[in-house]
Amino acid sequence: ESVRVGGALNIPLTENLRQRFAGYYLERDGYTENLATGNNIDGRSQWGFRSSTQVDFSPNTTADLGLGWYEEDRSRAREAKRLCTADAVLGCSPVSLGFDSPNSYTTILRTLLDGFLPPSVFPNGTDIYAGAPNPRNLRQVAADTDPTFTAEQFFGTLDITHDFGSLTFTSVTGYSWSDTEQNTDWDNADLPFRFGAPITYSVDRDTVVTTDRLLTTDSFTGKNQTWSQELRLSSDFDGFFNFTVGAFYLDSKGSGGFFTWHPAVEVFQRALGRPPETWFVNTATLRSTTEAAALFGQGYFDLSPATTLTLGARYTEEEKFSRSRSIVLSGVVPVIEAGASWDNFTWRVALDHQLTDDNLIYASLSTGFKGGGLNPGNATAPSFEPETVTAFEVGSNNMFFDRTLRANFAGFYYDYADLQLGQRINAGVTTRNADATVWGLEAEFDWRPTDRLQFNMNLSHLNTEIGEFLSIDAANPAQSLVATTPTVAVTLAGNQLPHSPEYKINLGAQYTWDLGGGWESTLRADVLWQDDYFAREYNSATD
């Protein structure tokens, strides 16, 4: 069951003052059933509100103020169902997926329970996952607790424009604030295992239980506050040349972490007399900051009435800093401070030619830059490099059959240096750099044979290839079913990038009825097909 309500109200207050309010509310049941709790999970309960105010201070000066709020509180799942083929060495096999529960004999958590609880409470050799159900239906799970997801976000923008005649000055100020907490069952299991006697431990940050059940949870939290300011000056000359120049500044601050509660961790840490802040897996970014500034400019040259040359450039400076700490089966460790800064110059050259009033061809060559960053708490890879790309694109935009059919075609080639790949390792994500190439073809069709009938189709082909890149697969630390020491990095050269289907097709159709009185009704249908793709850059059978 799903209910979505949306609406908007426009209010022309005066000749120079206009107001618009818009909002929506969504309530949807979850598509996944948790057999352990009897509840449907991964539902949605969210609402959003936006206020837009426009003021004409003079015939040449206009201000637009946008304010918005979004809120959600429901059982949205942070991750999908977990699949496992039990393996006596690694817990789950790295080469196949199945509907088993992990084999816990060789896991550190079982070892801790075995070593720090008396045999009367935890008999030696116990497999805590023995008999734990893992439903074969992909829309069913069996977990001790349902996920919870809360999020709040506020955003505001102030856009001020002043027209000097042949020059236009624009100021865009932005602010956003967000806060989220996402909790789930860490082992995603409903364990039939019971301790020989009740034990007392924390099952999450707020709850202490005394029970013979083995309950685990984890929690992701994040807070962020960002200010930005952009200034632009654009020309509108009658001659062959026009331009845009500007400056940009951003200041962002945040914090967050990933935390896991498991009785084995707490039993071990308490036995060693360590303080409560170590009784759970505690990986926290206490503070992170980003400060960025840029200068940019772009010139437009009308080489002829039908041909335009565009030349652009941008210089960017960026600085990042973080204070983080990771406590995993250890005592209290010091806070690690890390920082790095980067700068980069990028450019763009583009040529457009209007063959007819309905047909345009274009080509562009440009470079791009994405700032580097920090891997909080990671001693082996404390930071990662900026990502740069050289991009080439050609295409054609066309209108046919008395402008009822729009047909656009494009081909592109991207050459990435130090592409940023986020790799999930233990309780966090480590970003590393790899070179890669991407090329593809796209076609877009939009046919409107009448004012009320519309058909559309999008086709794409994508080819991705990773360059030389050595990486240890955290999902298969042994690299095989026989453990090796030390772990061996594997080459990913020639592999596909994650989430990159080779082919995609999207078809759509809609018809609109005039109901009278300013009301309309639209019936629309869409179908999307996409090719298989790999979820990770390792391109293994389980990806």
Protein backbone atom coordinates (compact mmCIF):
# COMPACT_ATOMS: atom_id res chain seq x y z
CA GLU A 1 0.00 0.00 0.00
CA SER A 2 1.35 3.41 -0.98
CA VAL A 3 -0.04 6.92 -0.57
CA ARG A 4 1.60 10.00 -2.05
CA VAL A 5 0.08 13.47 -1.85
CA GLY A 6 1.61 16.58 -3.35
CA GLY A 7 0.48 20.10 -3.97
CA ALA A 8 1.50 23.66 -4.68
CA LEU A 9 0.02 27.10 -4.10
CA ASN A 10 1.02 30.21 -6.05
CA ILE A 11 0.22 33.57 -4.48
CA PRO A 12 0.76 36.81 -6.47
CA LEU A 13 0.93 39.09 -3.40
CA THR A 14 1.72 42.31 -5.25
CA GLU A 15 3.00 43.31 -8.66
CA ASN A 16 6.58 42.99 -7.37
CA LEU A 17 6.20 40.17 -4.84
CA ARG A 18 5.31 36.57 -5.63
CA GLN A 19 5.08 33.56 -3.30
CA ARG A 20 4.86 29.82 -3.92
CA PHE A 21 4.44 26.99 -1.42
CA ALA A 22 4.88 23.34 -2.40
CA GLY A 23 4.97 20.11 -0.46
CA TYR A 24 4.50 16.37 -0.56
CA TYR A 25 3.81 13.47 1.78
CA LEU A 26 4.71 9.82 1.08
CA GLU A 27 3.64 6.80 3.12
CA ARG A 28 4.54 3.39 1.68
CA ASP A 29 4.59 -0.09 3.17
CA GLY A 30 7.81 -2.04 2.86
CA TYR A 31 8.34 -4.57 0.09
CA THR A 32 10.39 -6.93 2.29
CA GLU A 33 8.97 -9.16 5.04
CA ASN A 34 10.94 -9.80 8.22
CA LEU A 35 9.82 -13.27 9.23
CA ALA A 36 11.33 -12.91 12.72
CA THR A 37 9.32 -9.82 13.70
CA GLY A 38 6.33 -10.33 11.39
CA ASN A 39 6.71 -6.79 9.99
CA ASN A 40 7.16 -5.48 6.48
CA ILE A 41 10.37 -3.43 6.28
CA ASP A 42 12.06 -1.02 3.87
CA GLY A 43 9.01 1.24 3.87
CA ARG A 44 8.87 5.01 3.52
CA SER A 45 7.35 7.72 5.67
CA GLN A 46 8.58 11.11 4.58
CA TRP A 47 7.45 14.62 3.83
CA GLY A 48 8.98 17.72 2.33
CA PHE A 49 8.08 21.40 2.13
CA ARG A 50 9.45 24.23 0.01
CA SER A 51 8.84 27.98 0.03
CA SER A 52 9.83 30.12 -2.98
CA THR A 53 9.71 33.92 -2.76
CA GLN A 54 10.51 36.30 -5.63
CA VAL A 55 10.91 40.03 -5.14
CA ASP A 56 11.48 42.68 -7.82
CA PHE A 57 13.36 45.44 -5.99
CA SER A 58 13.54 47.44 -9.23
CA PRO A 59 13.07 46.81 -12.94
CA ASN A 60 16.70 45.63 -13.00
CA THR A 61 17.07 43.81 -9.66
CA THR A 62 15.36 40.55 -8.67
CA ALA A 63 15.84 38.28 -5.65
CA ASP A 64 14.70 34.67 -5.33
CA LEU A 65 14.64 33.06 -1.89
CA GLY A 66 14.10 29.31 -1.60
CA LEU A 67 13.67 27.51 1.75
CA GLY A 68 13.01 23.81 2.20
CA TRP A 69 12.65 21.06 4.80
CA TYR A 70 12.69 17.27 4.41
CA GLU A 71 12.03 14.64 7.09
CA GLU A 72 11.84 10.84 7.16
CA ASP A 73 11.25 8.28 9.92
CA ARG A 74 10.57 4.70 8.87
CA SER A 75 12.06 1.25 8.30
CA ARG A 76 14.11 2.10 5.18
CA ALA A 77 16.78 -0.60 4.81
CA ARG A 78 20.37 0.59 4.48
CA GLU A 79 21.39 -2.58 2.67
CA ALA A 80 19.73 -5.40 0.76
CA LYS A 81 19.33 -9.04 1.73
CA ARG A 82 22.60 -10.85 2.44
CA LEU A 83 23.41 -14.02 0.53
CA CYS A 84 25.95 -16.61 1.74
CA THR A 85 27.26 -20.05 0.92
CA ALA A 86 28.67 -21.28 4.22
CA ASP A 87 32.39 -22.06 4.23
CA ALA A 88 34.33 -23.62 7.11
CA VAL A 89 37.40 -21.43 6.54
CA LEU A 90 36.04 -18.01 5.65
CA GLY A 91 32.53 -18.12 7.09
CA CYS A 92 30.98 -17.38 3.67
CA SER A 93 32.40 -18.57 0.38
CA PRO A 94 33.96 -15.84 -1.78
CA VAL A 95 33.06 -17.64 -5.02
CA SER A 96 29.34 -18.40 -4.69
CA LEU A 97 26.13 -17.02 -3.26
CA GLY A 98 23.48 -19.01 -1.45
CA PHE A 99 20.86 -18.98 1.26
CA ASP A 100 23.00 -20.36 4.10
CA SER A 101 23.96 -18.59 7.28
CA PRO A 102 27.69 -18.06 7.89
CA ASN A 103 29.84 -20.75 9.46
CA SER A 104 31.10 -19.02 12.60
CA TYR A 105 33.76 -21.57 13.71
CA THR A 106 36.72 -19.49 12.51
CA THR A 107 35.34 -16.01 13.25
CA ILE A 108 36.97 -13.81 15.86
CA LEU A 109 33.62 -13.19 17.57
CA ARG A 110 33.03 -16.88 18.26
CA THR A 111 36.61 -17.17 19.49
CA LEU A 112 36.06 -14.31 21.96
CA LEU A 113 32.89 -15.88 23.34
CA ASP A 114 34.68 -19.21 23.58
CA GLY A 115 37.58 -17.71 25.49
CA PHE A 116 35.89 -15.26 27.86
CA LEU A 117 32.62 -16.95 28.84
CA PRO A 118 32.47 -20.10 30.97
CA PRO A 119 31.52 -23.34 29.16
CA SER A 120 28.26 -23.41 31.09
CA VAL A 121 27.25 -20.19 29.33
CA PHE A 122 28.96 -20.72 25.96
CA PRO A 123 30.00 -24.35 25.32
CA ASN A 124 33.31 -24.72 23.50
CA GLY A 125 32.97 -25.22 19.77
CA THR A 126 29.50 -23.71 19.48
CA ASP A 127 28.48 -22.48 16.02
CA ILE A 128 26.29 -19.49 16.84
CA TYR A 129 24.74 -19.43 13.35
CA ALA A 130 23.74 -23.11 13.32
CA GLY A 131 20.14 -23.40 12.21
CA ALA A 132 19.69 -19.67 11.57
CA PRO A 133 17.11 -19.29 8.77
CA ASN A 134 17.91 -17.41 5.56
CA PRO A 135 14.71 -17.42 3.44
CA ARG A 136 15.15 -18.23 -0.25
CA ASN A 137 12.72 -15.48 -1.20
CA LEU A 138 14.71 -12.32 -1.95
CA ARG A 139 11.89 -10.27 -0.47
CA GLN A 140 12.07 -12.05 2.88
CA VAL A 141 14.64 -11.81 5.68
CA ALA A 142 14.89 -13.21 9.20
CA ALA A 143 16.46 -10.64 11.54
CA ASP A 144 16.14 -10.02 15.27
CA THR A 145 15.32 -6.33 14.78
CA ASP A 146 13.77 -4.18 12.06
CA PRO A 147 15.83 -1.40 10.51
CA THR A 148 15.13 2.21 11.43
CA PHE A 149 15.97 5.26 9.33
CA THR A 150 15.62 8.88 10.44
CA ALA A 151 16.72 11.92 8.46
CA GLU A 152 16.20 15.67 8.61
CA GLN A 153 17.42 18.27 6.14
CA PHE A 154 17.05 22.03 5.80
CA PHE A 155 18.24 23.97 2.78
CA GLY A 156 18.08 27.57 1.64
CA THR A 157 19.21 29.50 -1.43
CA LEU A 158 19.25 33.22 -2.15
CA ASP A 159 19.68 34.22 -5.79
CA ILE A 160 20.08 37.95 -6.50
CA THR A 161 20.33 39.23 -10.08
CA HIS A 162 21.00 42.78 -11.27
CA ASP A 163 20.84 43.77 -14.94
CA PHE A 164 23.24 46.54 -15.94
CA GLY A 165 22.12 46.43 -19.56
CA SER A 166 24.73 44.54 -21.50
CA LEU A 167 26.06 42.99 -18.27
CA THR A 168 24.25 40.88 -15.66
CA PHE A 169 25.55 40.31 -12.14
CA THR A 170 24.35 37.26 -10.18
CA SER A 171 24.94 36.24 -6.57
CA VAL A 172 23.93 32.77 -5.39
CA THR A 173 24.15 31.99 -1.66
CA GLY A 174 23.43 28.50 -0.38
CA TYR A 175 23.09 26.84 3.02
CA SER A 176 22.20 23.27 3.98
CA TRP A 177 22.01 21.28 7.20
CA SER A 178 21.34 17.56 7.59
CA ASP A 179 21.24 14.91 10.30
CA THR A 180 20.66 11.17 9.85
CA GLU A 181 20.75 7.97 11.90
CA GLN A 182 20.39 4.56 10.22
CA ASN A 183 20.20 1.40 12.33
CA THR A 184 19.94 -2.26 11.40
CA ASP A 185 20.54 -5.81 12.64
CA TRP A 186 24.31 -6.23 12.21
CA ASP A 187 24.32 -9.97 11.47
CA ASN A 188 20.96 -9.84 9.69
CA ALA A 189 19.97 -13.06 11.46
CA ASP A 190 17.40 -14.51 13.82
CA LEU A 191 19.61 -16.87 15.80
CA PRO A 192 18.10 -19.97 17.43
CA PHE A 193 21.28 -20.10 19.56
CA ARG A 194 20.83 -19.40 23.28
CA PHE A 195 23.45 -18.78 25.96
CA GLY A 196 23.49 -21.33 28.79
CA ALA A 197 22.48 -18.52 31.17
CA PRO A 198 21.37 -14.89 30.66
CA ILE A 199 24.15 -12.31 30.27
CA THR A 200 23.95 -8.52 30.43
CA TYR A 201 25.21 -6.37 27.55
CA SER A 202 24.36 -3.35 25.37
CA VAL A 203 22.38 -4.13 22.25
CA ASP A 204 22.55 -0.54 20.94
CA ARG A 205 23.58 2.91 22.17
CA ASP A 206 20.50 3.28 24.36
CA THR A 207 19.53 -0.24 25.40
CA VAL A 208 21.06 -2.67 27.92
CA VAL A 209 19.53 -6.16 28.02
CA THR A 210 19.83 -9.22 30.23
CA THR A 211 18.96 -12.17 28.05
CA ASP A 212 20.07 -15.59 26.83
CA ARG A 213 19.68 -14.42 23.21
CA LEU A 214 22.59 -13.17 21.07
CA LEU A 215 21.48 -9.81 19.65
CA THR A 216 23.57 -7.47 17.49
CA THR A 217 22.94 -4.09 15.88
CA ASP A 218 24.87 -1.45 14.01
CA SER A 219 24.33 2.24 13.44
CA PHE A 220 25.46 4.79 10.88
CA THR A 221 25.21 8.48 11.85
CA GLY A 222 26.02 11.64 9.97
CA LYS A 223 25.68 15.40 10.45
CA ASN A 224 26.65 18.11 7.97
CA GLN A 225 26.46 21.87 7.57
CA THR A 226 27.49 23.62 4.35
CA TRP A 227 27.70 27.26 3.22
CA SER A 228 28.43 28.26 -0.38
CA GLN A 229 28.70 31.51 -2.30
CA GLU A 230 28.97 32.09 -6.04
CA LEU A 231 29.35 35.40 -7.88
CA ARG A 232 28.95 35.66 -11.68
CA LEU A 233 29.16 38.41 -14.27
CA SER A 234 27.74 37.64 -17.72
CA SER A 235 27.65 39.73 -20.87
CA ASP A 236 25.01 40.15 -23.57
CA PHE A 237 26.82 42.17 -26.24
CA ASP A 238 25.56 42.61 -29.78
CA GLY A 239 28.93 41.64 -31.25
CA PHE A 240 30.54 38.26 -31.91
CA PHE A 241 31.88 37.83 -28.34
CA ASN A 242 30.26 37.25 -24.95
CA PHE A 243 31.55 35.91 -21.66
CA THR A 244 30.83 34.66 -18.14
CA VAL A 245 33.32 35.06 -15.29
CA GLY A 246 32.89 34.22 -11.64
CA ALA A 247 34.15 33.03 -8.29
CA PHE A 248 32.96 30.27 -5.96
CA TYR A 249 33.54 29.49 -2.27
CA LEU A 250 32.37 26.56 -0.10
CA ASP A 251 32.75 25.79 3.59
CA SER A 252 31.48 22.45 4.92
CA LYS A 253 31.65 20.86 8.37
CA GLY A 254 30.46 17.44 9.43
CA SER A 255 30.74 14.47 11.76
CA GLY A 256 29.57 10.88 11.83
CA GLY A 257 30.50 7.29 12.40
CA PHE A 258 29.73 3.60 12.13
CA PHE A 259 29.16 1.64 15.33
CA THR A 260 28.53 -2.06 15.99
CA TRP A 261 27.24 -3.68 19.19
CA HIS A 262 27.96 -7.39 19.72
CA PRO A 263 28.07 -9.23 23.07
CA ALA A 264 31.39 -10.89 22.13
CA VAL A 265 33.07 -7.49 21.83
CA GLU A 266 31.65 -6.25 25.15
CA VAL A 267 32.49 -9.50 27.00
CA PHE A 268 36.10 -9.29 25.79
CA GLN A 269 36.59 -5.60 26.56
CA ARG A 270 34.99 -5.80 30.02
CA ALA A 271 37.12 -8.81 30.91
CA LEU A 272 40.20 -6.69 30.21
CA GLY A 273 38.86 -3.85 32.36
CA ARG A 274 38.50 -1.37 29.52
CA PRO A 275 36.10 1.63 29.67
CA PRO A 276 32.56 1.60 28.18
CA GLU A 277 33.54 3.57 25.07
CA THR A 278 35.51 0.48 23.96
CA TRP A 279 32.70 -2.03 24.53
CA PHE A 280 31.52 -1.76 20.93
CA VAL A 281 33.13 -1.23 17.52
CA ASN A 282 33.55 2.54 17.63
CA THR A 283 34.69 4.15 14.38
CA ALA A 284 33.89 7.85 14.50
CA THR A 285 34.79 10.95 12.53
CA LEU A 286 34.58 13.55 15.28
CA ARG A 287 34.99 16.45 12.89
CA SER A 288 35.60 16.87 9.19
CA THR A 289 35.95 20.12 7.25
CA THR A 290 36.17 21.04 3.59
CA GLU A 291 37.07 24.47 2.28
CA ALA A 292 37.13 25.11 -1.46
CA ALA A 293 37.49 28.18 -3.67
CA ALA A 294 37.49 28.59 -7.44
CA LEU A 295 37.80 31.19 -10.19
CA PHE A 296 36.22 30.47 -13.57
CA GLY A 297 35.53 32.05 -16.91
CA GLN A 298 34.05 31.15 -20.25
CA GLY A 299 34.04 33.00 -23.58
CA TYR A 300 31.64 32.55 -26.50
CA PHE A 301 32.80 33.45 -30.02
CA ASP A 302 30.28 33.59 -32.87
CA LEU A 303 32.51 32.60 -35.78
CA SER A 304 29.50 32.86 -38.09
CA PRO A 305 25.72 33.15 -37.68
CA ALA A 306 25.61 29.34 -37.43
CA THR A 307 28.88 28.49 -35.63
CA THR A 308 29.90 29.20 -32.03
CA LEU A 309 33.25 28.48 -30.38
CA THR A 310 33.34 28.21 -26.57
CA LEU A 311 36.55 28.47 -24.53
CA GLY A 312 36.48 28.02 -20.75
CA ALA A 313 38.84 27.63 -17.81
CA ARG A 314 38.62 27.07 -14.06
CA TYR A 315 41.16 27.15 -11.24
CA THR A 316 40.25 25.33 -8.00
CA GLU A 317 41.86 25.12 -4.57
CA GLU A 318 40.58 22.70 -1.93
CA GLU A 319 41.58 21.83 1.63
CA LYS A 320 40.26 19.03 3.85
CA PHE A 321 40.81 18.16 7.51
CA SER A 322 39.49 15.44 9.82
CA ARG A 323 39.70 14.25 13.42
CA SER A 324 38.83 10.58 13.76
CA ARG A 325 39.23 7.56 15.97
CA SER A 326 38.70 3.84 15.45
CA ILE A 327 38.33 1.52 18.45
CA VAL A 328 38.08 -2.11 17.39
CA LEU A 329 38.89 -4.66 20.14
CA SER A 330 41.47 -2.28 21.62
CA GLY A 331 41.83 0.15 24.47
CA VAL A 332 41.18 3.87 24.09
CA VAL A 333 43.28 5.08 21.18
CA PRO A 334 44.32 8.67 20.44
CA VAL A 335 42.39 10.81 18.01
CA ILE A 336 44.06 10.93 14.61
CA GLU A 337 44.22 14.27 12.84
CA ALA A 338 44.78 14.36 9.09
CA GLY A 339 44.65 17.05 6.45
CA ALA A 340 45.51 17.61 2.81
CA SER A 341 45.09 20.27 0.13
CA TRP A 342 45.01 20.27 -3.66
CA ASP A 343 44.76 22.71 -6.55
CA ASN A 344 43.95 22.17 -10.22
CA PHE A 345 43.44 24.00 -13.52
CA THR A 346 40.81 22.69 -15.93
CA TRP A 347 39.67 23.87 -19.36
CA ARG A 348 37.02 23.34 -22.03
CA VAL A 349 36.83 23.82 -25.82
CA ALA A 350 33.52 23.33 -27.64
CA LEU A 351 32.28 23.97 -31.16
CA ASP A 352 28.59 24.13 -32.14
CA HIS A 353 27.32 24.39 -35.70
CA GLN A 354 23.67 24.90 -36.68
CA LEU A 355 23.21 22.99 -39.95
CA THR A 356 19.59 24.17 -40.23
CA ASP A 357 17.09 25.68 -37.85
CA ASP A 358 16.25 22.11 -36.76
CA ASN A 359 19.65 20.41 -36.82
CA LEU A 360 22.73 21.13 -34.68
CA ILE A 361 26.04 19.27 -34.44
CA TYR A 362 28.63 19.79 -31.72
CA ALA A 363 31.98 18.59 -30.42
CA SER A 364 33.75 19.33 -27.15
CA LEU A 365 37.04 18.52 -25.44
CA SER A 366 37.39 19.27 -21.75
CA THR A 367 39.14 18.35 -18.53
CA GLY A 368 37.53 17.85 -15.12
CA PHE A 369 38.63 17.75 -11.50
CA LYS A 370 37.18 16.13 -8.40
CA GLY A 371 38.97 16.94 -5.16
CA GLY A 372 40.83 14.32 -3.16
CA GLY A 373 39.92 13.37 0.37
CA LEU A 374 40.73 11.60 3.60
CA ASN A 375 40.14 8.07 4.83
CA PRO A 376 39.55 8.81 8.53
CA GLY A 377 41.33 6.44 10.88
CA ASN A 378 43.07 4.51 8.10
CA ALA A 379 46.80 4.32 8.82
CA THR A 380 47.75 2.53 5.59
CA ALA A 381 45.77 4.80 3.23
CA PRO A 382 45.13 8.04 5.15
CA SER A 383 44.17 10.02 2.03
CA PHE A 384 43.34 9.61 -1.64
CA GLU A 385 44.29 11.71 -4.64
CA PRO A 386 42.08 14.02 -6.72
CA GLU A 387 40.29 12.50 -9.67
CA THR A 388 40.86 14.06 -13.10
CA VAL A 389 39.30 13.29 -16.46
CA THR A 390 39.83 14.27 -20.08
CA ALA A 391 36.49 14.10 -21.86
CA PHE A 392 35.68 14.14 -25.59
CA GLU A 393 32.10 14.26 -26.86
CA VAL A 394 30.41 14.64 -30.24
CA GLY A 395 26.72 14.76 -30.91
CA SER A 396 23.76 16.02 -32.85
CA ASN A 397 20.44 17.54 -31.71
CA ASN A 398 17.62 17.39 -34.25
CA MET A 399 13.94 18.10 -34.83
CA PHE A 400 12.05 16.24 -37.60
CA PHE A 401 8.51 15.98 -39.03
CA ASP A 402 7.44 19.59 -38.40
CA ARG A 403 9.28 19.53 -35.06
CA THR A 404 7.10 16.73 -33.65
CA LEU A 405 10.07 14.35 -33.31
CA ARG A 406 13.16 15.25 -31.30
CA ALA A 407 16.12 12.96 -31.97
CA ASN A 408 19.44 13.51 -30.17
CA PHE A 409 22.60 11.42 -30.64
CA ALA A 410 25.88 11.51 -28.71
CA GLY A 411 29.14 9.64 -28.42
CA PHE A 412 31.72 10.16 -25.68
CA TYR A 413 35.12 9.04 -24.48
CA TYR A 414 36.42 9.69 -20.94
CA ASP A 415 39.99 9.07 -19.83
CA TYR A 416 40.20 9.04 -16.03
CA ALA A 417 43.37 9.46 -14.00
CA ASP A 418 43.11 8.49 -10.32
CA LEU A 419 39.42 7.62 -10.51
CA GLN A 420 38.10 7.40 -6.94
CA LEU A 421 36.76 3.96 -6.00
CA GLY A 422 35.11 3.48 -2.60
CA GLN A 423 35.91 0.03 -1.19
CA ARG A 424 34.04 -1.32 1.82
CA ILE A 425 36.54 -2.76 4.30
CA ASN A 426 35.38 -4.04 7.71
CA ALA A 427 33.25 -1.31 9.30
CA GLY A 428 34.09 1.52 6.92
CA VAL A 429 34.76 2.64 3.38
CA THR A 430 38.28 3.25 2.09
CA THR A 431 38.63 5.27 -1.10
CA ARG A 432 41.49 4.42 -3.44
CA ASN A 433 42.59 5.66 -6.87
CA ALA A 434 42.73 3.81 -10.18
CA ASP A 435 42.96 4.84 -13.82
CA ALA A 436 40.05 3.97 -16.11
CA THR A 437 38.58 4.61 -19.56
CA VAL A 438 34.90 4.95 -20.40
CA TRP A 439 33.25 5.30 -23.78
CA GLY A 440 29.66 5.10 -24.91
CA LEU A 441 26.87 5.93 -27.33
CA GLU A 442 23.48 7.44 -26.51
CA ALA A 443 20.29 8.09 -28.47
CA GLU A 444 17.22 9.95 -27.25
CA PHE A 445 13.87 10.14 -29.09
CA ASP A 446 10.76 12.13 -28.12
CA TRP A 447 7.80 11.96 -30.54
CA ARG A 448 4.63 14.03 -30.01
CA PRO A 449 2.27 13.26 -32.90
CA THR A 450 -0.46 15.34 -31.18
CA ASP A 451 -0.51 17.85 -28.36
CA ARG A 452 -1.78 15.16 -25.99
CA LEU A 453 0.05 12.00 -27.11
CA GLN A 454 3.77 11.45 -26.42
CA PHE A 455 6.21 8.57 -26.96
CA ASN A 456 9.84 8.52 -25.81
CA MET A 457 12.77 6.12 -26.09
CA ASN A 458 16.31 6.24 -24.71
CA LEU A 459 19.06 3.86 -25.81
CA SER A 460 22.62 3.64 -24.47
CA HIS A 461 25.75 1.53 -24.82
CA LEU A 462 28.51 1.82 -22.23
CA ASN A 463 32.00 0.34 -22.12
CA THR A 464 34.22 0.72 -19.04
CA GLU A 465 37.70 -0.60 -18.32
CA ILE A 466 39.94 -0.23 -15.27
CA GLY A 467 43.64 0.40 -15.89
CA GLU A 468 46.54 -0.96 -13.89
CA PHE A 469 45.31 -1.36 -10.31
CA LEU A 470 46.37 -3.75 -7.55
CA SER A 471 43.94 -4.22 -4.67
CA ILE A 472 43.22 -6.68 -1.85
CA ASP A 473 39.65 -7.95 -2.01
CA ALA A 474 38.23 -7.38 1.46
CA ALA A 475 35.32 -9.71 0.68
CA ASN A 476 37.81 -12.50 0.00
CA PRO A 477 40.78 -11.84 2.30
CA ALA A 478 42.26 -15.25 1.61
CA GLN A 479 42.06 -14.87 -2.21
CA SER A 480 41.00 -18.52 -2.31
CA LEU A 481 39.36 -21.19 -0.18
CA VAL A 482 42.75 -21.88 1.41
CA ALA A 483 43.99 -19.09 3.64
CA THR A 484 47.25 -17.41 2.61
CA THR A 485 49.52 -15.24 4.72
CA PRO A 486 50.08 -12.46 3.95
CA THR A 487 47.08 -11.53 1.82
CA VAL A 488 47.82 -11.13 -1.88
CA ALA A 489 46.74 -8.13 -3.96
CA VAL A 490 45.06 -8.99 -7.24
CA THR A 491 45.22 -6.98 -10.45
CA LEU A 492 41.97 -5.40 -11.61
CA ALA A 493 43.33 -4.27 -14.99
CA GLY A 494 40.68 -4.79 -17.68
CA ASN A 495 37.79 -5.16 -15.21
CA GLN A 496 34.55 -3.24 -15.60
CA LEU A 497 33.68 -0.36 -13.29
CA PRO A 498 30.89 -1.05 -10.75
CA HIS A 499 27.26 -0.38 -11.67
CA SER A 500 28.01 0.05 -15.38
CA PRO A 501 25.51 -1.97 -17.48
CA GLU A 502 26.63 -2.32 -21.10
CA TYR A 503 23.16 -1.69 -22.57
CA LYS A 504 20.06 0.18 -21.35
CA ILE A 505 16.69 0.76 -23.01
CA ASN A 506 13.93 2.98 -21.66
CA LEU A 507 10.50 3.20 -23.35
CA GLY A 508 7.64 5.45 -22.32
CA ALA A 509 4.24 6.64 -23.50
CA GLN A 510 1.63 9.02 -22.12
CA TYR A 511 -1.70 10.58 -23.00
CA THR A 512 -3.26 13.67 -21.43
CA TRP A 513 -6.99 14.41 -21.20
CA ASP A 514 -8.45 17.89 -20.80
CA LEU A 515 -10.99 17.66 -17.97
CA GLY A 516 -12.08 21.27 -18.24
CA GLY A 517 -11.87 24.04 -15.69
CA GLY A 518 -8.07 24.11 -15.91
CA TRP A 519 -7.75 20.43 -14.87
CA GLU A 520 -5.90 17.70 -16.76
CA SER A 521 -5.40 13.94 -16.28
CA THR A 522 -2.35 12.08 -17.59
CA LEU A 523 -1.94 8.32 -18.04
CA ARG A 524 1.70 7.24 -18.42
CA ALA A 525 3.54 3.93 -18.74
CA ASP A 526 7.30 3.32 -18.63
CA VAL A 527 9.45 0.23 -19.04
CA LEU A 528 13.19 0.02 -18.39
CA TRP A 529 15.58 -2.79 -19.26
CA GLN A 530 19.27 -2.81 -18.43
CA ASP A 531 22.04 -5.33 -18.93
CA ASP A 532 23.78 -7.23 -16.16
CA TYR A 533 26.50 -5.37 -14.30
CA PHE A 534 29.03 -5.94 -11.53
CA ALA A 535 28.38 -4.48 -8.08
CA ARG A 536 32.12 -4.25 -7.32
CA GLU A 537 35.26 -3.56 -9.29
CA TYR A 538 36.61 -7.09 -8.58
CA ASN A 539 34.11 -8.56 -11.09
CA SER A 540 33.97 -11.84 -9.16
CA ALA A 541 31.21 -14.42 -9.53
CA THR A 542 29.47 -13.08 -6.43
CA ASP A 543 29.54 -9.49 -7.73
